[in-house]
C-alpha cells in the first residue's frame, strides 16, 4: 500500500480489475498497463524502465527527456499512465500533465519529484494528476501507484482534498470567476480539476449523480465555458 506522505491525487480512468500475475504466468499484450516516462536524466529513465518491465503487467511504450517532446509524443501514444518528472530544463511535468489531459483525459499522470512541496502538490492536483510521488518512494510502492492510477483508484490523502477545498473557498482577493460560484459549485470545480467523473464526485460529496450534472452545467454557464476540461484548466490558473 502506498504511503500517503509520498503520494497524492485522484485518477478517473478505470480498468475492469487489477491483473493477477504469478511466477511463470504471462499477461496478454492488450491487458498490460502501458507507461510513458518523462525525465531529463537518462539513468533515471533507464532505471524506471528496468523496474517496470520486470513486471508482467506493465510495458513502457515511450520515453522523453523534454517537456516539449513529451507534449507531442504522449497524446499520440496514448499510454495508460505517464510518469512525469516535476522539474525539467524546458518546463515542468505539471504543465505537461495539464496539456495532455486537456487533450485526452483518459491518460493518467503521476508527477515524480524530489521535493515535498505543498504548492507543487496542489498544482499537480489542479492539473489533473493522478498522483504526486516522491523519488524516495520504494520501488514496489511506485509500481503499485502506477497500477492504482491505471485502475482509477484514489491515491489522495483525504486531508489534502480538504486543504484544496478550503483554498478554493477562501482564496484571498477571490477572482471574479470564482466569486460567481456557490460553495458547492467550488467544491465540484475542485473535484473536476482532480479528474473525477460525475459519478465519483457524487460518491465523494454524497449527492446524486444527476445533481452533480446539474451543478456542473450551472458552474460552466457561470464561467462562460462549454467543457469540463476548460473548467479544470481555469481552476488551475486561478490557484497559481
C-alpha atoms as a PDB file:
ATOM      1  CA  UNK A   1       0.000   0.000   0.000  1.00  0.00           C
ATOM      2  CA  UNK A   2       1.375   3.440  -0.945  1.00  0.00           C
ATOM      3  CA  UNK A   3       2.197   5.822   1.890  1.00  0.00           C
ATOM      4  CA  UNK A   4       0.001   8.982   1.975  1.00  0.00           C
ATOM      5  CA  UNK A   5       3.121  11.028   2.738  1.00  0.00           C
ATOM      6  CA  UNK A   6       4.600  10.068  -0.611  1.00  0.00           C
ATOM      7  CA  UNK A   7       1.517  10.014  -2.799  1.00  0.00           C
ATOM      8  CA  UNK A   8      -1.341  12.331  -3.695  1.00  0.00           C
ATOM      9  CA  UNK A   9      -4.260  12.956  -6.080  1.00  0.00           C
ATOM     10  CA  UNK A  10      -7.013  11.041  -7.759  1.00  0.00           C
ATOM     11  CA  UNK A  11      -7.369   9.263 -11.093  1.00  0.00           C
ATOM     12  CA  UNK A  12     -10.522   8.878 -13.145  1.00  0.00           C
ATOM     13  CA  UNK A  13      -9.724   6.213 -15.724  1.00  0.00           C
ATOM     14  CA  UNK A  14     -10.913   2.767 -14.656  1.00  0.00           C
ATOM     15  CA  UNK A  15      -9.978  -0.689 -15.935  1.00  0.00           C
ATOM     16  CA  UNK A  16     -12.006  -3.816 -15.342  1.00  0.00           C
ATOM     17  CA  UNK A  17      -9.936  -5.100 -12.407  1.00  0.00           C
ATOM     18  CA  UNK A  18      -6.305  -5.457 -11.314  1.00  0.00           C
ATOM     19  CA  UNK A  19      -4.496  -8.222 -13.161  1.00  0.00           C
ATOM     20  CA  UNK A  20      -3.243 -11.086 -11.069  1.00  0.00           C
ATOM     21  CA  UNK A  21       0.182 -12.400 -12.053  1.00  0.00           C
ATOM     22  CA  UNK A  22       2.241 -15.261 -10.776  1.00  0.00           C
ATOM     23  CA  UNK A  23       5.546 -16.941 -11.373  1.00  0.00           C
ATOM     24  CA  UNK A  24       5.657 -18.442 -14.821  1.00  0.00           C
ATOM     25  CA  UNK A  25       2.477 -16.644 -15.850  1.00  0.00           C
ATOM     26  CA  UNK A  26       2.064 -14.128 -18.635  1.00  0.00           C
ATOM     27  CA  UNK A  27      -0.283 -11.238 -19.365  1.00  0.00           C
ATOM     28  CA  UNK A  28      -1.788 -10.677 -22.842  1.00  0.00           C
ATOM     29  CA  UNK A  29      -0.372  -7.567 -24.540  1.00  0.00           C
ATOM     30  CA  UNK A  30      -3.799  -5.892 -24.672  1.00  0.00           C
ATOM     31  CA  UNK A  31      -4.197  -6.310 -20.898  1.00  0.00           C
ATOM     32  CA  UNK A  32      -0.872  -4.720 -19.997  1.00  0.00           C
ATOM     33  CA  UNK A  33      -0.704  -1.252 -18.469  1.00  0.00           C
ATOM     34  CA  UNK A  34       1.175   0.991 -20.900  1.00  0.00           C
ATOM     35  CA  UNK A  35       3.508   3.601 -19.386  1.00  0.00           C
ATOM     36  CA  UNK A  36       5.348   6.661 -20.746  1.00  0.00           C
ATOM     37  CA  UNK A  37       8.429   8.014 -18.929  1.00  0.00           C
ATOM     38  CA  UNK A  38       9.483  11.683 -18.838  1.00  0.00           C
ATOM     39  CA  UNK A  39      12.731  12.576 -17.068  1.00  0.00           C
ATOM     40  CA  UNK A  40      15.712  14.606 -18.236  1.00  0.00           C
ATOM     41  CA  UNK A  41      18.184  12.138 -16.668  1.00  0.00           C
ATOM     42  CA  UNK A  42      18.823   9.098 -18.847  1.00  0.00           C
ATOM     43  CA  UNK A  43      19.967   6.986 -15.911  1.00  0.00           C
ATOM     44  CA  UNK A  44      16.658   7.632 -14.121  1.00  0.00           C
ATOM     45  CA  UNK A  45      14.645   6.657 -17.200  1.00  0.00           C
ATOM     46  CA  UNK A  46      16.714   3.526 -17.662  1.00  0.00           C
ATOM     47  CA  UNK A  47      16.215   2.535 -14.024  1.00  0.00           C
ATOM     48  CA  UNK A  48      12.470   3.130 -14.234  1.00  0.00           C
ATOM     49  CA  UNK A  49      12.198   1.166 -17.471  1.00  0.00           C
ATOM     50  CA  UNK A  50      14.091  -1.803 -15.983  1.00  0.00           C
ATOM     51  CA  UNK A  51      11.910  -1.672 -12.854  1.00  0.00           C
ATOM     52  CA  UNK A  52       8.601  -1.532 -14.709  1.00  0.00           C
ATOM     53  CA  UNK A  53       9.394  -4.033 -17.443  1.00  0.00           C
ATOM     54  CA  UNK A  54      10.321  -6.594 -14.813  1.00  0.00           C
ATOM     55  CA  UNK A  55       6.570  -6.677 -14.070  1.00  0.00           C
ATOM     56  CA  UNK A  56       4.426  -8.931 -16.273  1.00  0.00           C
ATOM     57  CA  UNK A  57       1.543  -6.476 -16.477  1.00  0.00           C
ATOM     58  CA  UNK A  58       3.490  -3.264 -17.237  1.00  0.00           C
ATOM     59  CA  UNK A  59       5.073  -2.149 -20.505  1.00  0.00           C
ATOM     60  CA  UNK A  60       6.963   1.085 -21.302  1.00  0.00           C
ATOM     61  CA  UNK A  61       5.728   2.396 -24.652  1.00  0.00           C
ATOM     62  CA  UNK A  62       7.811   5.556 -24.864  1.00  0.00           C
ATOM     63  CA  UNK A  63      10.110   7.965 -23.070  1.00  0.00           C
ATOM     64  CA  UNK A  64      11.429  11.504 -23.379  1.00  0.00           C
ATOM     65  CA  UNK A  65      13.874  13.921 -21.774  1.00  0.00           C
ATOM     66  CA  UNK A  66      11.978  17.122 -22.604  1.00  0.00           C
ATOM     67  CA  UNK A  67       8.576  18.621 -21.852  1.00  0.00           C
ATOM     68  CA  UNK A  68       8.132  19.859 -25.422  1.00  0.00           C
ATOM     69  CA  UNK A  69       8.715  16.415 -26.934  1.00  0.00           C
ATOM     70  CA  UNK A  70       6.510  14.706 -24.334  1.00  0.00           C
ATOM     71  CA  UNK A  71       3.564  17.018 -25.077  1.00  0.00           C
ATOM     72  CA  UNK A  72       3.658  15.768 -28.683  1.00  0.00           C
ATOM     73  CA  UNK A  73       4.510  12.121 -28.042  1.00  0.00           C
ATOM     74  CA  UNK A  74       2.167  11.230 -25.172  1.00  0.00           C
ATOM     75  CA  UNK A  75      -1.172  12.070 -26.890  1.00  0.00           C
ATOM     76  CA  UNK A  76      -0.022  10.139 -29.965  1.00  0.00           C
ATOM     77  CA  UNK A  77       0.988   7.034 -27.975  1.00  0.00           C
ATOM     78  CA  UNK A  78      -1.991   7.208 -25.551  1.00  0.00           C
ATOM     79  CA  UNK A  79      -0.362   5.366 -22.635  1.00  0.00           C
ATOM     80  CA  UNK A  80      -2.497   4.357 -19.679  1.00  0.00           C
ATOM     81  CA  UNK A  81      -0.144   6.213 -17.318  1.00  0.00           C
ATOM     82  CA  UNK A  82       2.509   8.889 -17.888  1.00  0.00           C
ATOM     83  CA  UNK A  83       5.216   9.189 -15.209  1.00  0.00           C
ATOM     84  CA  UNK A  84       6.378  12.811 -15.371  1.00  0.00           C
ATOM     85  CA  UNK A  85       9.383  14.454 -13.706  1.00  0.00           C
ATOM     86  CA  UNK A  86       8.183  17.611 -11.955  1.00  0.00           C
ATOM     87  CA  UNK A  87      11.175  19.775 -12.944  1.00  0.00           C
ATOM     88  CA  UNK A  88      12.611  19.799 -16.453  1.00  0.00           C
ATOM     89  CA  UNK A  89      15.027  22.132 -18.285  1.00  0.00           C
ATOM     90  CA  UNK A  90      12.306  23.256 -20.717  1.00  0.00           C
ATOM     91  CA  UNK A  91       9.247  23.147 -18.489  1.00  0.00           C
ATOM     92  CA  UNK A  92       7.578  21.024 -15.831  1.00  0.00           C
ATOM     93  CA  UNK A  93       5.799  17.699 -15.597  1.00  0.00           C
ATOM     94  CA  UNK A  94       2.829  19.543 -14.118  1.00  0.00           C
ATOM     95  CA  UNK A  95       2.468  21.662 -17.263  1.00  0.00           C
ATOM     96  CA  UNK A  96       2.837  18.547 -19.415  1.00  0.00           C
ATOM     97  CA  UNK A  97       0.129  16.866 -17.334  1.00  0.00           C
ATOM     98  CA  UNK A  98      -2.235  19.800 -17.812  1.00  0.00           C
ATOM     99  CA  UNK A  99      -1.598  19.845 -21.567  1.00  0.00           C
ATOM    100  CA  UNK A 100      -2.025  16.137 -22.228  1.00  0.00           C
ATOM    101  CA  UNK A 101      -5.097  15.756 -20.008  1.00  0.00           C
ATOM    102  CA  UNK A 102      -6.797  18.709 -21.695  1.00  0.00           C
ATOM    103  CA  UNK A 103      -6.365  16.764 -24.959  1.00  0.00           C
ATOM    104  CA  UNK A 104      -7.104  13.276 -23.607  1.00  0.00           C
ATOM    105  CA  UNK A 105      -8.450  12.979 -20.034  1.00  0.00           C
ATOM    106  CA  UNK A 106      -8.209   9.174 -20.213  1.00  0.00           C
ATOM    107  CA  UNK A 107      -4.402   9.391 -19.852  1.00  0.00           C
ATOM    108  CA  UNK A 108      -3.456   9.254 -16.172  1.00  0.00           C
ATOM    109  CA  UNK A 109      -0.351  11.091 -14.936  1.00  0.00           C
ATOM    110  CA  UNK A 110       1.924  10.600 -11.944  1.00  0.00           C
ATOM    111  CA  UNK A 111       4.208  13.506 -11.019  1.00  0.00           C
ATOM    112  CA  UNK A 112       7.614  12.226  -9.862  1.00  0.00           C
ATOM    113  CA  UNK A 113       9.633  14.684  -7.784  1.00  0.00           C
ATOM    114  CA  UNK A 114      12.499  15.005  -5.317  1.00  0.00           C
ATOM    115  CA  UNK A 115      10.739  17.797  -3.422  1.00  0.00           C
ATOM    116  CA  UNK A 116       7.921  17.522  -0.870  1.00  0.00           C
ATOM    117  CA  UNK A 117       6.363  20.840  -1.906  1.00  0.00           C
ATOM    118  CA  UNK A 118       2.737  21.518  -0.922  1.00  0.00           C
ATOM    119  CA  UNK A 119       2.352  24.252  -3.547  1.00  0.00           C
ATOM    120  CA  UNK A 120       3.504  21.844  -6.265  1.00  0.00           C
ATOM    121  CA  UNK A 121       1.185  19.160  -4.888  1.00  0.00           C
ATOM    122  CA  UNK A 122      -1.801  21.492  -5.201  1.00  0.00           C
ATOM    123  CA  UNK A 123      -0.701  22.468  -8.708  1.00  0.00           C
ATOM    124  CA  UNK A 124      -0.401  18.792  -9.675  1.00  0.00           C
ATOM    125  CA  UNK A 125      -3.897  18.045  -8.392  1.00  0.00           C
ATOM    126  CA  UNK A 126      -5.346  21.026 -10.229  1.00  0.00           C
ATOM    127  CA  UNK A 127      -3.571  19.912 -13.411  1.00  0.00           C
ATOM    128  CA  UNK A 128      -5.422  16.601 -13.148  1.00  0.00           C
ATOM    129  CA  UNK A 129      -2.554  14.398 -11.964  1.00  0.00           C
ATOM    130  CA  UNK A 130      -3.492  11.001 -10.574  1.00  0.00           C
ATOM    131  CA  UNK A 131      -0.630  11.100  -8.083  1.00  0.00           C
ATOM    132  CA  UNK A 132       2.310  13.086  -6.714  1.00  0.00           C
ATOM    133  CA  UNK A 133       5.145  10.675  -5.919  1.00  0.00           C
ATOM    134  CA  UNK A 134       8.423  11.445  -4.168  1.00  0.00           C
ATOM    135  CA  UNK A 135      11.503   9.929  -5.810  1.00  0.00           C
ATOM    136  CA  UNK A 136      12.385   8.463  -2.418  1.00  0.00           C
ATOM    137  CA  UNK A 137       9.399   6.117  -2.806  1.00  0.00           C
ATOM    138  CA  UNK A 138      10.145   2.381  -2.587  1.00  0.00           C
ATOM    139  CA  UNK A 139      10.194   0.543  -5.916  1.00  0.00           C
ATOM    140  CA  UNK A 140       7.200  -1.656  -5.101  1.00  0.00           C
ATOM    141  CA  UNK A 141       5.197   1.407  -3.987  1.00  0.00           C
ATOM    142  CA  UNK A 142       5.869   3.159  -7.304  1.00  0.00           C
ATOM    143  CA  UNK A 143       4.736   0.084  -9.212  1.00  0.00           C
ATOM    144  CA  UNK A 144       1.619  -0.067  -7.023  1.00  0.00           C
ATOM    145  CA  UNK A 145       0.956   3.645  -7.642  1.00  0.00           C
ATOM    146  CA  UNK A 146       1.081   3.124 -11.413  1.00  0.00           C
ATOM    147  CA  UNK A 147      -1.367   0.237 -11.192  1.00  0.00           C
ATOM    148  CA  UNK A 148      -3.630   2.236  -8.879  1.00  0.00           C
ATOM    149  CA  UNK A 149      -3.669   5.193 -11.285  1.00  0.00           C
ATOM    150  CA  UNK A 150      -4.432   2.922 -14.233  1.00  0.00           C
ATOM    151  CA  UNK A 151      -7.409   1.405 -12.393  1.00  0.00           C
ATOM    152  CA  UNK A 152      -8.820   4.816 -11.412  1.00  0.00           C
ATOM    153  CA  UNK A 153      -8.426   4.279  -7.676  1.00  0.00           C
ATOM    154  CA  UNK A 154      -7.623   7.097  -5.234  1.00  0.00           C
ATOM    155  CA  UNK A 155      -4.050   7.926  -4.205  1.00  0.00           C
ATOM    156  CA  UNK A 156      -5.070  11.053  -2.349  1.00  0.00           C
ATOM    157  CA  UNK A 157      -4.843  11.573   1.386  1.00  0.00           C
ATOM    158  CA  UNK A 158      -8.311  12.981   2.304  1.00  0.00           C
ATOM    159  CA  UNK A 159      -6.575  15.746   4.281  1.00  0.00           C
ATOM    160  CA  UNK A 160      -5.066  17.030   1.019  1.00  0.00           C
ATOM    161  CA  UNK A 161      -8.515  17.261  -0.545  1.00  0.00           C
ATOM    162  CA  UNK A 162      -9.800  19.178   2.480  1.00  0.00           C
ATOM    163  CA  UNK A 163      -6.958  21.705   2.209  1.00  0.00           C
ATOM    164  CA  UNK A 164      -7.579  22.103  -1.508  1.00  0.00           C
ATOM    165  CA  UNK A 165     -11.291  22.753  -0.995  1.00  0.00           C
ATOM    166  CA  UNK A 166     -10.541  25.251   1.792  1.00  0.00           C
ATOM    167  CA  UNK A 167      -8.160  27.017  -0.549  1.00  0.00           C
ATOM    168  CA  UNK A 168     -10.769  27.272  -3.295  1.00  0.00           C
ATOM    169  CA  UNK A 169     -13.343  28.615  -0.840  1.00  0.00           C
ATOM    170  CA  UNK A 170     -11.109  31.169   0.851  1.00  0.00           C
ATOM    171  CA  UNK A 171      -8.668  32.399  -1.787  1.00  0.00           C
ATOM    172  CA  UNK A 172      -7.645  35.988  -0.815  1.00  0.00           C
ATOM    173  CA  UNK A 173      -8.874  38.619  -3.276  1.00  0.00           C
ATOM    174  CA  UNK A 174     -11.057  35.974  -4.888  1.00  0.00           C
ATOM    175  CA  UNK A 175     -11.094  36.227  -8.692  1.00  0.00           C
ATOM    176  CA  UNK A 176     -14.354  37.397 -10.256  1.00  0.00           C
ATOM    177  CA  UNK A 177     -14.809  33.961 -11.882  1.00  0.00           C
ATOM    178  CA  UNK A 178     -14.904  32.162  -8.520  1.00  0.00           C
ATOM    179  CA  UNK A 179     -16.978  34.863  -6.814  1.00  0.00           C
ATOM    180  CA  UNK A 180     -19.920  33.925  -9.034  1.00  0.00           C
ATOM    181  CA  UNK A 181     -19.914  30.309  -7.804  1.00  0.00           C
ATOM    182  CA  UNK A 182     -21.621  28.884  -4.733  1.00  0.00           C
ATOM    183  CA  UNK A 183     -19.528  26.945  -2.194  1.00  0.00           C
ATOM    184  CA  UNK A 184     -20.914  23.665  -3.553  1.00  0.00           C
ATOM    185  CA  UNK A 185     -20.004  24.665  -7.118  1.00  0.00           C
ATOM    186  CA  UNK A 186     -16.472  25.479  -5.939  1.00  0.00           C
ATOM    187  CA  UNK A 187     -16.264  22.032  -4.333  1.00  0.00           C
ATOM    188  CA  UNK A 188     -17.298  20.426  -7.599  1.00  0.00           C
ATOM    189  CA  UNK A 189     -14.924  22.608  -9.617  1.00  0.00           C
ATOM    190  CA  UNK A 190     -12.025  21.396  -7.455  1.00  0.00           C
ATOM    191  CA  UNK A 191     -13.030  17.775  -7.960  1.00  0.00           C
ATOM    192  CA  UNK A 192     -13.405  18.282 -11.726  1.00  0.00           C
ATOM    193  CA  UNK A 193      -9.852  19.620 -11.699  1.00  0.00           C
ATOM    194  CA  UNK A 194      -8.738  16.401  -9.985  1.00  0.00           C
ATOM    195  CA  UNK A 195     -10.152  14.464 -12.930  1.00  0.00           C
ATOM    196  CA  UNK A 196     -13.158  12.887 -11.200  1.00  0.00           C
ATOM    197  CA  UNK A 197     -16.254  11.851 -13.159  1.00  0.00           C
ATOM    198  CA  UNK A 198     -19.758  12.988 -12.151  1.00  0.00           C
ATOM    199  CA  UNK A 199     -20.366   9.615 -10.510  1.00  0.00           C
ATOM    200  CA  UNK A 200     -17.127   9.830  -8.497  1.00  0.00           C
ATOM    201  CA  UNK A 201     -17.928  13.403  -7.443  1.00  0.00           C
ATOM    202  CA  UNK A 202     -21.356  12.275  -6.293  1.00  0.00           C
ATOM    203  CA  UNK A 203     -19.814   9.491  -4.225  1.00  0.00           C
ATOM    204  CA  UNK A 204     -17.289  11.882  -2.693  1.00  0.00           C
ATOM    205  CA  UNK A 205     -19.902  14.513  -1.793  1.00  0.00           C
ATOM    206  CA  UNK A 206     -22.750  12.072  -1.032  1.00  0.00           C
ATOM    207  CA  UNK A 207     -25.098  13.528  -3.631  1.00  0.00           C
ATOM    208  CA  UNK A 208     -26.832  12.026  -6.664  1.00  0.00           C
ATOM    209  CA  UNK A 209     -25.002  11.852  -9.999  1.00  0.00           C
ATOM    210  CA  UNK A 210     -27.868  13.784 -11.634  1.00  0.00           C
ATOM    211  CA  UNK A 211     -27.434  16.525  -9.013  1.00  0.00           C
ATOM    212  CA  UNK A 212     -23.726  16.722  -9.833  1.00  0.00           C
ATOM    213  CA  UNK A 213     -24.572  17.045 -13.530  1.00  0.00           C
ATOM    214  CA  UNK A 214     -26.874  19.977 -12.752  1.00  0.00           C
ATOM    215  CA  UNK A 215     -24.159  21.684 -10.684  1.00  0.00           C
ATOM    216  CA  UNK A 216     -21.618  21.163 -13.473  1.00  0.00           C
ATOM    217  CA  UNK A 217     -23.962  22.701 -16.043  1.00  0.00           C
ATOM    218  CA  UNK A 218     -24.547  25.662 -13.725  1.00  0.00           C
ATOM    219  CA  UNK A 219     -20.886  26.364 -12.997  1.00  0.00           C
ATOM    220  CA  UNK A 220     -19.925  26.015 -16.666  1.00  0.00           C
ATOM    221  CA  UNK A 221     -22.618  28.552 -17.584  1.00  0.00           C
ATOM    222  CA  UNK A 222     -21.437  30.975 -14.889  1.00  0.00           C
ATOM    223  CA  UNK A 223     -17.828  30.628 -16.062  1.00  0.00           C
ATOM    224  CA  UNK A 224     -18.797  31.018 -19.723  1.00  0.00           C
ATOM    225  CA  UNK A 225     -17.357  27.606 -20.611  1.00  0.00           C
ATOM    226  CA  UNK A 226     -18.602  24.690 -22.682  1.00  0.00           C
ATOM    227  CA  UNK A 227     -16.499  21.722 -21.485  1.00  0.00           C
ATOM    228  CA  UNK A 228     -15.391  20.445 -18.082  1.00  0.00           C
ATOM    229  CA  UNK A 229     -11.771  20.227 -19.277  1.00  0.00           C
ATOM    230  CA  UNK A 230     -11.880  24.011 -19.776  1.00  0.00           C
ATOM    231  CA  UNK A 231     -13.105  24.366 -16.189  1.00  0.00           C
ATOM    232  CA  UNK A 232     -10.215  22.230 -14.916  1.00  0.00           C
ATOM    233  CA  UNK A 233      -7.663  24.342 -16.759  1.00  0.00           C
ATOM    234  CA  UNK A 234      -9.259  27.568 -15.480  1.00  0.00           C
ATOM    235  CA  UNK A 235      -9.225  26.300 -11.878  1.00  0.00           C
ATOM    236  CA  UNK A 236      -5.524  25.509 -12.159  1.00  0.00           C
ATOM    237  CA  UNK A 237      -4.762  29.025 -13.461  1.00  0.00           C
ATOM    238  CA  UNK A 238      -6.812  30.704 -10.733  1.00  0.00           C
ATOM    239  CA  UNK A 239      -4.904  28.887  -7.976  1.00  0.00           C
ATOM    240  CA  UNK A 240      -1.409  29.552  -9.312  1.00  0.00           C
END
